[in-house]
C-alpha cells in the first residue's frame, strides 16, 4: 500500500529555534524527518542574521540551497564563496565551515543525520 506524501505550506516562513551558539544569530529547525531509521534524512531551514559568524563542523552529510539573501562561506582549506539565491552547496562529513552574511540569509538543507 502506498504511503501519503507530506506537505507544509510556506515552511520557509516558520520561525526556527536558536542554535544556541553564544553571540551568533543562527537559527535552525527540521521541517521534515524521514521515517527510514537506517538512513534518516532531515530537511528544514537555516536562518542567519547579520552579526557574529557561525563556525560549524559537520559530522554528517548535508546539502543546502540558498533561498533568501547571501551567505559568505569559507572552510579550513581556504575555499571561500559568496552564495546567493539558487546556489547549491554540499558539505561532506568532517567539513568545518564558517557561515556569515552581510544582512540576512536563509538556506534549505537536507542532511543525513538524527533529528534535532
PDB file of N, CA and C in Angstrom:
ATOM      1  N   UNK A   1       0.836  -1.185   0.000  1.00  0.00           N
ATOM      2  CA  UNK A   1       0.000   0.000   0.000  1.00  0.00           C
ATOM      3  C   UNK A   1       0.879   1.245   0.000  1.00  0.00           C
ATOM      4  N   UNK A   2       0.484   2.204  -0.758  1.00  0.00           N
ATOM      5  CA  UNK A   2       1.202   3.466  -0.888  1.00  0.00           C
ATOM      6  C   UNK A   2       1.069   4.303   0.380  1.00  0.00           C
ATOM      7  N   UNK A   3       2.150   5.047   0.699  1.00  0.00           N
ATOM      8  CA  UNK A   3       2.126   5.967   1.839  1.00  0.00           C
ATOM      9  C   UNK A   3       1.844   7.370   1.320  1.00  0.00           C
ATOM     10  N   UNK A   4       1.149   8.197   2.096  1.00  0.00           N
ATOM     11  CA  UNK A   4       0.869   9.570   1.647  1.00  0.00           C
ATOM     12  C   UNK A   4       2.115  10.453   1.773  1.00  0.00           C
ATOM     13  N   UNK A   5       2.262  11.413   0.871  1.00  0.00           N
ATOM     14  CA  UNK A   5       3.341  12.391   0.999  1.00  0.00           C
ATOM     15  C   UNK A   5       2.937  13.440   2.021  1.00  0.00           C
ATOM     16  N   UNK A   6       3.911  14.227   2.459  1.00  0.00           N
ATOM     17  CA  UNK A   6       3.654  15.288   3.430  1.00  0.00           C
ATOM     18  C   UNK A   6       3.840  16.645   2.760  1.00  0.00           C
ATOM     19  N   UNK A   7       3.124  17.633   3.260  1.00  0.00           N
ATOM     20  CA  UNK A   7       3.135  18.978   2.683  1.00  0.00           C
ATOM     21  C   UNK A   7       3.079  19.995   3.806  1.00  0.00           C
ATOM     22  N   UNK A   8       3.905  21.032   3.720  1.00  0.00           N
ATOM     23  CA  UNK A   8       3.867  22.125   4.700  1.00  0.00           C
ATOM     24  C   UNK A   8       3.918  23.433   3.924  1.00  0.00           C
ATOM     25  N   UNK A   9       2.820  24.115   3.900  1.00  0.00           N
ATOM     26  CA  UNK A   9       2.697  25.361   3.142  1.00  0.00           C
ATOM     27  C   UNK A   9       3.582  26.456   3.746  1.00  0.00           C
ATOM     28  N   UNK A  10       4.349  27.124   2.880  1.00  0.00           N
ATOM     29  CA  UNK A  10       5.185  28.272   3.255  1.00  0.00           C
ATOM     30  C   UNK A  10       6.096  27.995   4.459  1.00  0.00           C
ATOM     31  N   UNK A  11       6.680  26.817   4.502  1.00  0.00           N
ATOM     32  CA  UNK A  11       7.571  26.430   5.601  1.00  0.00           C
ATOM     33  C   UNK A  11       8.750  27.387   5.756  1.00  0.00           C
ATOM     34  N   UNK A  12       9.158  28.042   4.679  1.00  0.00           N
ATOM     35  CA  UNK A  12      10.277  28.978   4.733  1.00  0.00           C
ATOM     36  C   UNK A  12       9.994  30.132   5.698  1.00  0.00           C
ATOM     37  N   UNK A  13       8.735  30.398   5.980  1.00  0.00           N
ATOM     38  CA  UNK A  13       8.352  31.492   6.879  1.00  0.00           C
ATOM     39  C   UNK A  13       8.297  31.084   8.350  1.00  0.00           C
ATOM     40  N   UNK A  14       8.440  29.788   8.644  1.00  0.00           N
ATOM     41  CA  UNK A  14       8.392  29.324  10.038  1.00  0.00           C
ATOM     42  C   UNK A  14       9.536  29.936  10.847  1.00  0.00           C
ATOM     43  N   UNK A  15       9.248  30.297  12.069  1.00  0.00           N
ATOM     44  CA  UNK A  15      10.281  30.768  12.996  1.00  0.00           C
ATOM     45  C   UNK A  15      11.060  29.539  13.455  1.00  0.00           C
ATOM     46  N   UNK A  16      12.372  29.584  13.320  1.00  0.00           N
ATOM     47  CA  UNK A  16      13.216  28.448  13.686  1.00  0.00           C
ATOM     48  C   UNK A  16      13.841  28.683  15.059  1.00  0.00           C
ATOM     49  N   UNK A  17      14.107  27.591  15.794  1.00  0.00           N
ATOM     50  CA  UNK A  17      14.744  27.740  17.109  1.00  0.00           C
ATOM     51  C   UNK A  17      16.211  28.157  16.984  1.00  0.00           C
ATOM     52  N   UNK A  18      16.685  28.844  17.994  1.00  0.00           N
ATOM     53  CA  UNK A  18      18.080  29.268  18.041  1.00  0.00           C
ATOM     54  C   UNK A  18      18.995  28.050  18.063  1.00  0.00           C
ATOM     55  N   UNK A  19      20.160  28.187  17.439  1.00  0.00           N
ATOM     56  CA  UNK A  19      21.172  27.133  17.510  1.00  0.00           C
ATOM     57  C   UNK A  19      21.928  27.197  18.838  1.00  0.00           C
ATOM     58  N   UNK A  20      21.625  28.196  19.641  1.00  0.00           N
ATOM     59  CA  UNK A  20      22.224  28.363  20.972  1.00  0.00           C
ATOM     60  C   UNK A  20      23.747  28.434  20.950  1.00  0.00           C
ATOM     61  N   UNK A  21      24.267  29.194  19.990  1.00  0.00           N
ATOM     62  CA  UNK A  21      25.698  29.479  19.941  1.00  0.00           C
ATOM     63  C   UNK A  21      25.839  30.915  20.433  1.00  0.00           C
ATOM     64  N   UNK A  22      26.516  31.090  21.546  1.00  0.00           N
ATOM     65  CA  UNK A  22      26.622  32.398  22.185  1.00  0.00           C
ATOM     66  C   UNK A  22      27.040  33.497  21.214  1.00  0.00           C
ATOM     67  N   UNK A  23      26.244  34.554  21.136  1.00  0.00           N
ATOM     68  CA  UNK A  23      26.557  35.720  20.333  1.00  0.00           C
ATOM     69  C   UNK A  23      26.342  35.566  18.844  1.00  0.00           C
ATOM     70  N   UNK A  24      25.835  34.403  18.393  1.00  0.00           N
ATOM     71  CA  UNK A  24      25.644  34.163  16.954  1.00  0.00           C
ATOM     72  C   UNK A  24      24.151  34.099  16.649  1.00  0.00           C
ATOM     73  N   UNK A  25      23.651  34.966  15.760  1.00  0.00           N
ATOM     74  CA  UNK A  25      22.232  34.982  15.421  1.00  0.00           C
ATOM     75  C   UNK A  25      21.886  33.908  14.375  1.00  0.00           C
ATOM     76  N   UNK A  26      22.004  32.629  14.789  1.00  0.00           N
ATOM     77  CA  UNK A  26      21.773  31.493  13.888  1.00  0.00           C
ATOM     78  C   UNK A  26      20.600  30.664  14.407  1.00  0.00           C
ATOM     79  N   UNK A  27      19.738  30.243  13.481  1.00  0.00           N
ATOM     80  CA  UNK A  27      18.514  29.532  13.823  1.00  0.00           C
ATOM     81  C   UNK A  27      18.332  28.365  12.857  1.00  0.00           C
ATOM     82  N   UNK A  28      17.905  27.207  13.368  1.00  0.00           N
ATOM     83  CA  UNK A  28      17.797  26.023  12.526  1.00  0.00           C
ATOM     84  C   UNK A  28      16.710  25.106  13.068  1.00  0.00           C
ATOM     85  N   UNK A  29      15.925  24.540  12.156  1.00  0.00           N
ATOM     86  CA  UNK A  29      14.895  23.599  12.566  1.00  0.00           C
ATOM     87  C   UNK A  29      14.599  22.595  11.480  1.00  0.00           C
ATOM     88  N   UNK A  30      14.197  21.397  11.889  1.00  0.00           N
ATOM     89  CA  UNK A  30      13.797  20.350  10.956  1.00  0.00           C
ATOM     90  C   UNK A  30      12.333  20.550  10.574  1.00  0.00           C
ATOM     91  N   UNK A  31      12.054  20.628   9.289  1.00  0.00           N
ATOM     92  CA  UNK A  31      10.679  20.714   8.801  1.00  0.00           C
ATOM     93  C   UNK A  31      10.110  19.312   8.645  1.00  0.00           C
ATOM     94  N   UNK A  32      10.894  18.429   8.039  1.00  0.00           N
ATOM     95  CA  UNK A  32      10.504  17.027   7.879  1.00  0.00           C
ATOM     96  C   UNK A  32      11.665  16.125   8.230  1.00  0.00           C
ATOM     97  N   UNK A  33      11.355  14.929   8.749  1.00  0.00           N
ATOM     98  CA  UNK A  33      12.340  13.899   9.055  1.00  0.00           C
ATOM     99  C   UNK A  33      11.834  12.607   8.437  1.00  0.00           C
ATOM    100  N   UNK A  34      12.707  11.931   7.682  1.00  0.00           N
ATOM    101  CA  UNK A  34      12.298  10.681   7.038  1.00  0.00           C
ATOM    102  C   UNK A  34      11.999   9.615   8.094  1.00  0.00           C
ATOM    103  N   UNK A  35      11.280   8.602   7.692  1.00  0.00           N
ATOM    104  CA  UNK A  35      10.916   7.521   8.607  1.00  0.00           C
ATOM    105  C   UNK A  35      11.838   6.316   8.474  1.00  0.00           C
ATOM    106  N   UNK A  36      12.877   6.426   7.657  1.00  0.00           N
ATOM    107  CA  UNK A  36      13.842   5.346   7.477  1.00  0.00           C
ATOM    108  C   UNK A  36      14.864   5.427   8.615  1.00  0.00           C
ATOM    109  N   UNK A  37      14.790   4.500   9.546  1.00  0.00           N
ATOM    110  CA  UNK A  37      15.658   4.541  10.743  1.00  0.00           C
ATOM    111  C   UNK A  37      17.123   4.240  10.417  1.00  0.00           C
ATOM    112  N   UNK A  38      17.398   3.533   9.307  1.00  0.00           N
ATOM    113  CA  UNK A  38      18.776   3.193   8.938  1.00  0.00           C
ATOM    114  C   UNK A  38      19.478   4.331   8.207  1.00  0.00           C
ATOM    115  N   UNK A  39      18.726   5.132   7.462  1.00  0.00           N
ATOM    116  CA  UNK A  39      19.305   6.228   6.682  1.00  0.00           C
ATOM    117  C   UNK A  39      18.430   7.463   6.857  1.00  0.00           C
ATOM    118  N   UNK A  40      18.347   7.954   8.070  1.00  0.00           N
ATOM    119  CA  UNK A  40      17.487   9.094   8.368  1.00  0.00           C
ATOM    120  C   UNK A  40      17.943  10.335   7.600  1.00  0.00           C
ATOM    121  N   UNK A  41      16.969  11.034   7.049  1.00  0.00           N
ATOM    122  CA  UNK A  41      17.223  12.296   6.351  1.00  0.00           C
ATOM    123  C   UNK A  41      16.376  13.371   7.026  1.00  0.00           C
ATOM    124  N   UNK A  42      17.000  14.493   7.340  1.00  0.00           N
ATOM    125  CA  UNK A  42      16.303  15.628   7.929  1.00  0.00           C
ATOM    126  C   UNK A  42      16.395  16.806   6.951  1.00  0.00           C
ATOM    127  N   UNK A  43      15.294  17.522   6.812  1.00  0.00           N
ATOM    128  CA  UNK A  43      15.271  18.675   5.925  1.00  0.00           C
ATOM    129  C   UNK A  43      14.582  19.829   6.627  1.00  0.00           C
ATOM    130  N   UNK A  44      15.089  21.021   6.403  1.00  0.00           N
ATOM    131  CA  UNK A  44      14.486  22.188   7.032  1.00  0.00           C
ATOM    132  C   UNK A  44      15.218  23.454   6.633  1.00  0.00           C
ATOM    133  N   UNK A  45      15.147  24.445   7.490  1.00  0.00           N
ATOM    134  CA  UNK A  45      15.687  25.761   7.153  1.00  0.00           C
ATOM    135  C   UNK A  45      16.708  26.247   8.174  1.00  0.00           C
ATOM    136  N   UNK A  46      17.742  26.892   7.653  1.00  0.00           N
ATOM    137  CA  UNK A  46      18.803  27.507   8.436  1.00  0.00           C
ATOM    138  C   UNK A  46      18.738  29.009   8.166  1.00  0.00           C
ATOM    139  N   UNK A  47      18.551  29.794   9.218  1.00  0.00           N
ATOM    140  CA  UNK A  47      18.486  31.255   9.112  1.00  0.00           C
ATOM    141  C   UNK A  47      19.720  31.835   9.808  1.00  0.00           C
ATOM    142  N   UNK A  48      20.323  32.831   9.174  1.00  0.00           N
ATOM    143  CA  UNK A  48      21.455  33.526   9.773  1.00  0.00           C
ATOM    144  C   UNK A  48      21.250  35.015   9.569  1.00  0.00           C
ATOM    145  N   UNK A  49      21.328  35.759  10.664  1.00  0.00           N
ATOM    146  CA  UNK A  49      21.219  37.216  10.601  1.00  0.00           C
ATOM    147  C   UNK A  49      22.613  37.826  10.684  1.00  0.00           C
ATOM    148  N   UNK A  50      22.730  39.079  10.258  1.00  0.00           N
ATOM    149  CA  UNK A  50      23.995  39.800  10.328  1.00  0.00           C
ATOM    150  C   UNK A  50      24.478  39.822  11.772  1.00  0.00           C
ATOM    151  N   UNK A  51      25.755  39.606  11.950  1.00  0.00           N
ATOM    152  CA  UNK A  51      26.345  39.588  13.288  1.00  0.00           C
ATOM    153  C   UNK A  51      27.561  38.683  13.284  1.00  0.00           C
ATOM    154  N   UNK A  52      27.833  38.069  14.416  1.00  0.00           N
ATOM    155  CA  UNK A  52      28.977  37.165  14.515  1.00  0.00           C
ATOM    156  C   UNK A  52      28.793  35.967  13.592  1.00  0.00           C
ATOM    157  N   UNK A  53      29.884  35.483  13.048  1.00  0.00           N
ATOM    158  CA  UNK A  53      29.870  34.326  12.154  1.00  0.00           C
ATOM    159  C   UNK A  53      29.592  33.049  12.937  1.00  0.00           C
ATOM    160  N   UNK A  54      29.047  32.061  12.231  1.00  0.00           N
ATOM    161  CA  UNK A  54      28.825  30.731  12.803  1.00  0.00           C
ATOM    162  C   UNK A  54      29.895  29.803  12.264  1.00  0.00           C
ATOM    163  N   UNK A  55      30.661  29.187  13.163  1.00  0.00           N
ATOM    164  CA  UNK A  55      31.619  28.154  12.775  1.00  0.00           C
ATOM    165  C   UNK A  55      30.957  26.820  13.089  1.00  0.00           C
ATOM    166  N   UNK A  56      30.894  25.937  12.082  1.00  0.00           N
ATOM    167  CA  UNK A  56      30.150  24.678  12.237  1.00  0.00           C
ATOM    168  C   UNK A  56      30.946  23.539  11.619  1.00  0.00           C
ATOM    169  N   UNK A  57      31.087  22.451  12.373  1.00  0.00           N
ATOM    170  CA  UNK A  57      31.758  21.261  11.864  1.00  0.00           C
ATOM    171  C   UNK A  57      30.733  20.165  11.629  1.00  0.00           C
ATOM    172  N   UNK A  58      30.659  19.703  10.406  1.00  0.00           N
ATOM    173  CA  UNK A  58      29.700  18.661  10.021  1.00  0.00           C
ATOM    174  C   UNK A  58      30.206  17.284  10.420  1.00  0.00           C
ATOM    175  N   UNK A  59      29.346  16.516  11.102  1.00  0.00           N
ATOM    176  CA  UNK A  59      29.647  15.112  11.391  1.00  0.00           C
ATOM    177  C   UNK A  59      28.634  14.227  10.659  1.00  0.00           C
ATOM    178  N   UNK A  60      28.086  14.771   9.581  1.00  0.00           N
ATOM    179  CA  UNK A  60      27.119  14.096   8.720  1.00  0.00           C
ATOM    180  C   UNK A  60      27.171  14.761   7.347  1.00  0.00           C
ATOM    181  N   UNK A  61      26.550  14.149   6.366  1.00  0.00           N
ATOM    182  CA  UNK A  61      26.486  14.708   5.012  1.00  0.00           C
ATOM    183  C   UNK A  61      25.303  15.668   4.918  1.00  0.00           C
ATOM    184  N   UNK A  62      25.504  16.818   4.247  1.00  0.00           N
ATOM    185  CA  UNK A  62      24.405  17.767   4.082  1.00  0.00           C
ATOM    186  C   UNK A  62      24.530  18.512   2.754  1.00  0.00           C
ATOM    187  N   UNK A  63      23.371  18.842   2.203  1.00  0.00           N
ATOM    188  CA  UNK A  63      23.294  19.704   1.028  1.00  0.00           C
ATOM    189  C   UNK A  63      22.363  20.854   1.362  1.00  0.00           C
ATOM    190  N   UNK A  64      22.660  22.015   0.789  1.00  0.00           N
ATOM    191  CA  UNK A  64      21.899  23.215   1.120  1.00  0.00           C
ATOM    192  C   UNK A  64      21.705  24.043  -0.139  1.00  0.00           C
ATOM    193  N   UNK A  65      20.510  24.652  -0.283  1.00  0.00           N
ATOM    194  CA  UNK A  65      20.256  25.606  -1.355  1.00  0.00           C
ATOM    195  C   UNK A  65      19.884  26.938  -0.709  1.00  0.00           C
ATOM    196  N   UNK A  66      20.459  28.007  -1.210  1.00  0.00           N
ATOM    197  CA  UNK A  66      20.168  29.343  -0.684  1.00  0.00           C
ATOM    198  C   UNK A  66      18.808  29.773  -1.237  1.00  0.00           C
ATOM    199  N   UNK A  67      17.891  30.123  -0.328  1.00  0.00           N
ATOM    200  CA  UNK A  67      16.544  30.540  -0.747  1.00  0.00           C
ATOM    201  C   UNK A  67      16.266  32.019  -0.478  1.00  0.00           C
ATOM    202  N   UNK A  68      17.144  32.667   0.282  1.00  0.00           N
ATOM    203  CA  UNK A  68      16.979  34.096   0.562  1.00  0.00           C
ATOM    204  C   UNK A  68      18.322  34.684   0.967  1.00  0.00           C
ATOM    205  N   UNK A  69      18.633  35.869   0.476  1.00  0.00           N
ATOM    206  CA  UNK A  69      19.830  36.588   0.917  1.00  0.00           C
ATOM    207  C   UNK A  69      21.135  36.046   0.373  1.00  0.00           C
ATOM    208  N   UNK A  70      22.202  36.332   1.119  1.00  0.00           N
ATOM    209  CA  UNK A  70      23.559  35.982   0.705  1.00  0.00           C
ATOM    210  C   UNK A  70      24.320  35.389   1.888  1.00  0.00           C
ATOM    211  N   UNK A  71      24.919  34.217   1.662  1.00  0.00           N
ATOM    212  CA  UNK A  71      25.833  33.607   2.626  1.00  0.00           C
ATOM    213  C   UNK A  71      27.256  33.800   2.122  1.00  0.00           C
ATOM    214  N   UNK A  72      28.175  34.141   3.021  1.00  0.00           N
ATOM    215  CA  UNK A  72      29.603  34.110   2.723  1.00  0.00           C
ATOM    216  C   UNK A  72      30.132  32.920   3.521  1.00  0.00           C
ATOM    217  N   UNK A  73      30.645  31.921   2.794  1.00  0.00           N
ATOM    218  CA  UNK A  73      31.022  30.649   3.416  1.00  0.00           C
ATOM    219  C   UNK A  73      32.482  30.352   3.109  1.00  0.00           C
ATOM    220  N   UNK A  74      33.235  29.993   4.153  1.00  0.00           N
ATOM    221  CA  UNK A  74      34.636  29.619   3.973  1.00  0.00           C
ATOM    222  C   UNK A  74      34.915  28.353   4.766  1.00  0.00           C
ATOM    223  N   UNK A  75      35.999  27.667   4.389  1.00  0.00           N
ATOM    224  CA  UNK A  75      36.376  26.463   5.135  1.00  0.00           C
ATOM    225  C   UNK A  75      37.861  26.504   5.471  1.00  0.00           C
ATOM    226  N   UNK A  76      38.326  25.462   6.140  1.00  0.00           N
ATOM    227  CA  UNK A  76      39.717  25.426   6.599  1.00  0.00           C
ATOM    228  C   UNK A  76      40.716  25.207   5.467  1.00  0.00           C
ATOM    229  N   UNK A  77      40.242  24.848   4.275  1.00  0.00           N
ATOM    230  CA  UNK A  77      41.147  24.652   3.140  1.00  0.00           C
ATOM    231  C   UNK A  77      41.486  25.974   2.461  1.00  0.00           C
ATOM    232  N   UNK A  78      40.788  27.054   2.850  1.00  0.00           N
ATOM    233  CA  UNK A  78      40.982  28.346   2.223  1.00  0.00           C
ATOM    234  C   UNK A  78      39.927  28.669   1.176  1.00  0.00           C
ATOM    235  N   UNK A  79      39.069  27.698   0.891  1.00  0.00           N
ATOM    236  CA  UNK A  79      37.992  27.955  -0.074  1.00  0.00           C
ATOM    237  C   UNK A  79      37.007  28.952   0.530  1.00  0.00           C
ATOM    238  N   UNK A  80      36.549  29.911  -0.290  1.00  0.00           N
ATOM    239  CA  UNK A  80      35.583  30.905   0.163  1.00  0.00           C
ATOM    240  C   UNK A  80      34.650  31.229  -0.995  1.00  0.00           C
ATOM    241  N   UNK A  81      33.332  31.213  -0.727  1.00  0.00           N
ATOM    242  CA  UNK A  81      32.355  31.534  -1.764  1.00  0.00           C
ATOM    243  C   UNK A  81      31.320  32.503  -1.214  1.00  0.00           C
ATOM    244  N   UNK A  82      30.747  33.255  -2.110  1.00  0.00           N
ATOM    245  CA  UNK A  82      29.582  34.072  -1.802  1.00  0.00           C
ATOM    246  C   UNK A  82      28.416  33.385  -2.492  1.00  0.00           C
ATOM    247  N   UNK A  83      27.511  32.818  -1.696  1.00  0.00           N
ATOM    248  CA  UNK A  83      26.395  32.036  -2.219  1.00  0.00           C
ATOM    249  C   UNK A  83      25.111  32.856  -2.151  1.00  0.00           C
ATOM    250  N   UNK A  84      24.421  32.930  -3.287  1.00  0.00           N
ATOM    251  CA  UNK A  84      23.186  33.703  -3.381  1.00  0.00           C
ATOM    252  C   UNK A  84      22.034  32.792  -3.794  1.00  0.00           C
ATOM    253  N   UNK A  85      20.838  33.354  -3.842  1.00  0.00           N
ATOM    254  CA  UNK A  85      19.616  32.588  -4.121  1.00  0.00           C
ATOM    255  C   UNK A  85      19.802  31.687  -5.344  1.00  0.00           C
ATOM    256  N   UNK A  86      19.493  30.410  -5.143  1.00  0.00           N
ATOM    257  CA  UNK A  86      19.598  29.412  -6.200  1.00  0.00           C
ATOM    258  C   UNK A  86      20.885  28.623  -6.177  1.00  0.00           C
ATOM    259  N   UNK A  87      21.903  29.088  -5.445  1.00  0.00           N
ATOM    260  CA  UNK A  87      23.173  28.359  -5.349  1.00  0.00           C
ATOM    261  C   UNK A  87      23.005  27.156  -4.424  1.00  0.00           C
ATOM    262  N   UNK A  88      23.685  26.052  -4.769  1.00  0.00           N
ATOM    263  CA  UNK A  88      23.597  24.806  -4.008  1.00  0.00           C
ATOM    264  C   UNK A  88      24.978  24.456  -3.465  1.00  0.00           C
ATOM    265  N   UNK A  89      25.019  23.972  -2.228  1.00  0.00           N
ATOM    266  CA  UNK A  89      26.273  23.608  -1.569  1.00  0.00           C
ATOM    267  C   UNK A  89      26.189  22.178  -1.048  1.00  0.00           C
ATOM    268  N   UNK A  90      27.330  21.494  -1.026  1.00  0.00           N
ATOM    269  CA  UNK A  90      27.443  20.151  -0.447  1.00  0.00           C
ATOM    270  C   UNK A  90      28.511  20.209   0.628  1.00  0.00           C
ATOM    271  N   UNK A  91      28.154  19.786   1.838  1.00  0.00           N
ATOM    272  CA  UNK A  91      29.079  19.762   2.958  1.00  0.00           C
ATOM    273  C   UNK A  91      29.302  18.307   3.366  1.00  0.00           C
ATOM    274  N   UNK A  92      30.479  17.741   3.071  1.00  0.00           N
ATOM    275  CA  UNK A  92      30.749  16.359   3.468  1.00  0.00           C
ATOM    276  C   UNK A  92      31.048  16.265   4.964  1.00  0.00           C
ATOM    277  N   UNK A  93      30.825  15.112   5.513  1.00  0.00           N
ATOM    278  CA  UNK A  93      31.149  14.873   6.917  1.00  0.00           C
ATOM    279  C   UNK A  93      32.633  15.191   7.133  1.00  0.00           C
ATOM    280  N   UNK A  94      32.942  15.913   8.211  1.00  0.00           N
ATOM    281  CA  UNK A  94      34.315  16.306   8.516  1.00  0.00           C
ATOM    282  C   UNK A  94      34.672  17.698   8.039  1.00  0.00           C
ATOM    283  N   UNK A  95      33.777  18.323   7.290  1.00  0.00           N
ATOM    284  CA  UNK A  95      33.995  19.676   6.771  1.00  0.00           C
ATOM    285  C   UNK A  95      33.717  20.687   7.895  1.00  0.00           C
ATOM    286  N   UNK A  96      34.637  21.627   8.099  1.00  0.00           N
ATOM    287  CA  UNK A  96      34.440  22.683   9.094  1.00  0.00           C
ATOM    288  C   UNK A  96      34.332  24.001   8.348  1.00  0.00           C
ATOM    289  N   UNK A  97      33.175  24.655   8.460  1.00  0.00           N
ATOM    290  CA  UNK A  97      32.926  25.869   7.682  1.00  0.00           C
ATOM    291  C   UNK A  97      32.538  27.037   8.582  1.00  0.00           C
ATOM    292  N   UNK A  98      32.714  28.222   8.034  1.00  0.00           N
ATOM    293  CA  UNK A  98      32.287  29.449   8.694  1.00  0.00           C
ATOM    294  C   UNK A  98      31.222  30.091   7.818  1.00  0.00           C
ATOM    295  N   UNK A  99      30.053  30.328   8.420  1.00  0.00           N
ATOM    296  CA  UNK A  99      28.944  30.986   7.733  1.00  0.00           C
ATOM    297  C   UNK A  99      28.859  32.431   8.209  1.00  0.00           C
ATOM    298  N   UNK A 100      28.680  33.352   7.267  1.00  0.00           N
ATOM    299  CA  UNK A 100      28.471  34.746   7.583  1.00  0.00           C
ATOM    300  C   UNK A 100      27.492  35.317   6.569  1.00  0.00           C
ATOM    301  N   UNK A 101      26.932  36.477   6.856  1.00  0.00           N
ATOM    302  CA  UNK A 101      26.035  37.141   5.921  1.00  0.00           C
ATOM    303  C   UNK A 101      26.151  38.647   6.097  1.00  0.00           C
ATOM    304  N   UNK A 102      26.059  39.396   5.001  1.00  0.00           N
ATOM    305  CA  UNK A 102      26.113  40.851   5.138  1.00  0.00           C
ATOM    306  C   UNK A 102      24.815  41.435   5.699  1.00  0.00           C
ATOM    307  N   UNK A 103      23.714  40.683   5.665  1.00  0.00           N
ATOM    308  CA  UNK A 103      22.449  41.183   6.212  1.00  0.00           C
ATOM    309  C   UNK A 103      21.602  40.047   6.811  1.00  0.00           C
ATOM    310  N   UNK A 104      21.113  39.147   5.982  1.00  0.00           N
ATOM    311  CA  UNK A 104      20.311  38.012   6.426  1.00  0.00           C
ATOM    312  C   UNK A 104      20.313  36.992   5.299  1.00  0.00           C
ATOM    313  N   UNK A 105      20.323  35.716   5.668  1.00  0.00           N
ATOM    314  CA  UNK A 105      20.278  34.669   4.647  1.00  0.00           C
ATOM    315  C   UNK A 105      19.509  33.470   5.193  1.00  0.00           C
ATOM    316  N   UNK A 106      18.879  32.739   4.264  1.00  0.00           N
ATOM    317  CA  UNK A 106      18.136  31.530   4.610  1.00  0.00           C
ATOM    318  C   UNK A 106      18.523  30.440   3.624  1.00  0.00           C
ATOM    319  N   UNK A 107      18.807  29.266   4.159  1.00  0.00           N
ATOM    320  CA  UNK A 107      19.106  28.113   3.320  1.00  0.00           C
ATOM    321  C   UNK A 107      18.185  26.968   3.666  1.00  0.00           C
ATOM    322  N   UNK A 108      17.783  26.209   2.653  1.00  0.00           N
ATOM    323  CA  UNK A 108      17.037  24.965   2.868  1.00  0.00           C
ATOM    324  C   UNK A 108      18.053  23.840   2.826  1.00  0.00           C
ATOM    325  N   UNK A 109      18.055  22.999   3.852  1.00  0.00           N
ATOM    326  CA  UNK A 109      19.036  21.923   3.940  1.00  0.00           C
ATOM    327  C   UNK A 109      18.368  20.555   3.896  1.00  0.00           C
ATOM    328  N   UNK A 110      19.168  19.585   3.504  1.00  0.00           N
ATOM    329  CA  UNK A 110      18.783  18.181   3.564  1.00  0.00           C
ATOM    330  C   UNK A 110      20.017  17.447   4.051  1.00  0.00           C
ATOM    331  N   UNK A 111      19.926  16.849   5.244  1.00  0.00           N
ATOM    332  CA  UNK A 111      21.088  16.222   5.849  1.00  0.00           C
ATOM    333  C   UNK A 111      20.812  14.814   6.322  1.00  0.00           C
ATOM    334  N   UNK A 112      21.839  13.986   6.273  1.00  0.00           N
ATOM    335  CA  UNK A 112      21.737  12.602   6.699  1.00  0.00           C
ATOM    336  C   UNK A 112      22.203  12.512   8.157  1.00  0.00           C
ATOM    337  N   UNK A 113      21.273  12.811   9.068  1.00  0.00           N
ATOM    338  CA  UNK A 113      21.601  12.859  10.496  1.00  0.00           C
ATOM    339  C   UNK A 113      20.355  12.548  11.318  1.00  0.00           C
ATOM    340  N   UNK A 114      20.554  12.458  12.619  1.00  0.00           N
ATOM    341  CA  UNK A 114      19.439  12.250  13.540  1.00  0.00           C
ATOM    342  C   UNK A 114      18.629  13.537  13.648  1.00  0.00           C
ATOM    343  N   UNK A 115      17.336  13.443  13.943  1.00  0.00           N
ATOM    344  CA  UNK A 115      16.505  14.637  14.115  1.00  0.00           C
ATOM    345  C   UNK A 115      17.008  15.500  15.276  1.00  0.00           C
ATOM    346  N   UNK A 116      16.704  16.782  15.207  1.00  0.00           N
ATOM    347  CA  UNK A 116      17.057  17.701  16.300  1.00  0.00           C
ATOM    348  C   UNK A 116      16.223  17.401  17.525  1.00  0.00           C
TER     349      UNK A 116
END
